[in-house]
Amino acid sequence: LVVQGGPGTGKTAVALHRAAYLLYTYRQQLGKSGVLIIGPNATFLDYIGQVLPSLGETGVLLSTIGDLYPGVRAQREDSALATEVKGRLSMVDVLTQAVRDRQEVPAQPRRLKFDTYDITLDRKIVTRARGRARSSRRPHNLARPLFVSSVIDQLANQLAAKLGQNVVDGSSLLSADDIADMRDEMREDHDVMAAIDELWPDLSPQQVLRDLFASPEKIASAAPALDESERESLLRRGHGFSSADAPLLDELAELLGVDDAAEREQAQRQWRGQIADAQGALDILTGSAPQDLEDELDPEILMAYDLIDADQLARRQNSGQRLTTAERAAGDRTWTYGHVIVDEAQELSAMAWRMVMRRIPNRWMTLVGDTAQTGDPAGTSSWGSVLEPYVAQRWKLTELTVNYRTPSEIMTVAHDVLAAIDPEQSEPRSIRSTGVEPWAQRVAAADLVTTVEKRVADHPRPGLSAVLVPSELVSQLQHLASDVVTVSTVKDAKGLEFDSVLIVEPSAIVAESVKGMNDLYVALTRATQRLGVVHVDPLPQELGALQPFDAEV
């Protein structure tokens, strides 16, 4: 179900009511699998958590796309170009090639010392082993054991041949058991395994992505179709990931896989130990039972070992941590939810949709948004283009047409901006009027900060106000932030509302993103009462309906 609605039409309220309804109606099913609610930013999710605090006590996980990959929190900010490139579906091919590039063939033969013998790891051996591993079509880490086995087999046969053949019949002087022992010893040999690890290493998604974006050569090899500016936008140094990186990490997790054989074996050993302990306890009870025929127990009296076996006792004594459904889901990348709700769904990139769809194989989703408010450079302008690859025509669009938040005076100003975004987009009908006209005040660059300070001080109390600015001005105006004043970019204000909104330098807001006009539309429609604009550069022509600032009003 897609709920399309313009500013102030109550999309978020619809999403939350639907979440409450589903959790009540399908309590048993959703209690086990959980519900995932994805929001545009942490501020929005904090608001959701306050409105419906009970969600935190059920099987509901609240997350942004940037925090959806377990163990990673989005901390970096990408450029608009990098965000757009990372959101493209073609990044699947880029990441696939980045993984294949880590499956190397040595340029020159490598001489290795095994015991007292020299063996040679050459291109032929590695190429054959790589072909075998790749032909399995397993993820990289799960195919690695095949690569290792093939290389070890070939090296062991090479050494066996060196040790000589029977001069009578040409057979190897070593038995099959001798060669098997040799293989086992090679697997324990540091030099041999180090050489193999270099050619087909065990990799994590974080490692692959960090290495890829730190190297111009790796980017060029994995993404030959990107132009120079696009490749440069991906290049970075240091640690940390951005929101646009989370879907890429998720894609890499699919391409790499997790070889958890060692962990599973350890868990099995622990479980066998628990069963042995439980059996020991039952044996003690059995041994303490009366053995004298004259002191035989009444057959109607049951002992513990009559009611439970070692396996059952071990399970009851399992001391594993008790986690809620939401907590277990948050730590498990492969968790599949019973239902997914996405607010501001128009912001998701093609790669983000792949990440979400992995978590909801039944495709039971509620999506709310407004394509006219798409601010993410990789976001969508068409619901069909993002949904039909996954659900074909099995989706329904419902539109909300009444604007309960934004006064008609402000929507008159926003009308021309919406028309510039999409002339065919229908505008929600405002049912409120405040009688306060939105205004604009142009000032000299030297007076910008002091003028903004004065206009913020003019804001009536009580009430919440927001100063929405281009990213370059956030630090200069952050000192105005308080319990009742928010200073942020438009991106961080998405999904929120305020009594008064002051927009600073709208031309710069438009210029800093390929979706700049959409961002301006979002900024204009956050206010429930009053809207003002302070600017140095000329206003976008779409803001011609703003009235000149009048200090007397």
Foldseek 3Di string as FASTA:
>chain_A
DEEAEDFQLCLVVVLVVVVVVCCVVVVPAQQQQAEEEEELDPVLVVVVCVVCVCLVVGRYAYYYLQQQFFPAHADDDAALLQLQVLLDPCVLQLLLQLLVVQQAADPAWDWDQDPNDIFIRHRVQSVVLVVVLVVVVAFQQVSLVSSLVSSLLVRLVVVQVVVHADPPPRHTPDDPVRSVVSSVSLVVDPRNVVVSCSNRNQDALQVSLQVCQQDLVNSCRSCVPDDPVSNVSSHDDDDGHHSSCSLVNLSSCRRHPDDCPVVVVVVVVVLVVLLVVLQVVVVVVVVPADPDPVPHDDVVDDDPVVPDHSNVVSVVVDPDDDDGNNVVSSNDQQRAGCEYEYEQQQQRALSSLVSVCSRHVVPHYYYYHHLLLHFRSRGDNDPCVNPCVRVNPPDDYHYRAARAFAAPLLVVLLVLLSCVSPVPDDHHHYPHHQPAHEAEEADAPVCQQVVVVVVVVVDDPDWAEEEEEPPVCQVVNVVVDDPRYYYYHLSNCPPAATQEYEYEALVNQLPSHPSSSSSVSSRSSRHRHYYYYYYHDDDDPSSVSHHHDDPVD
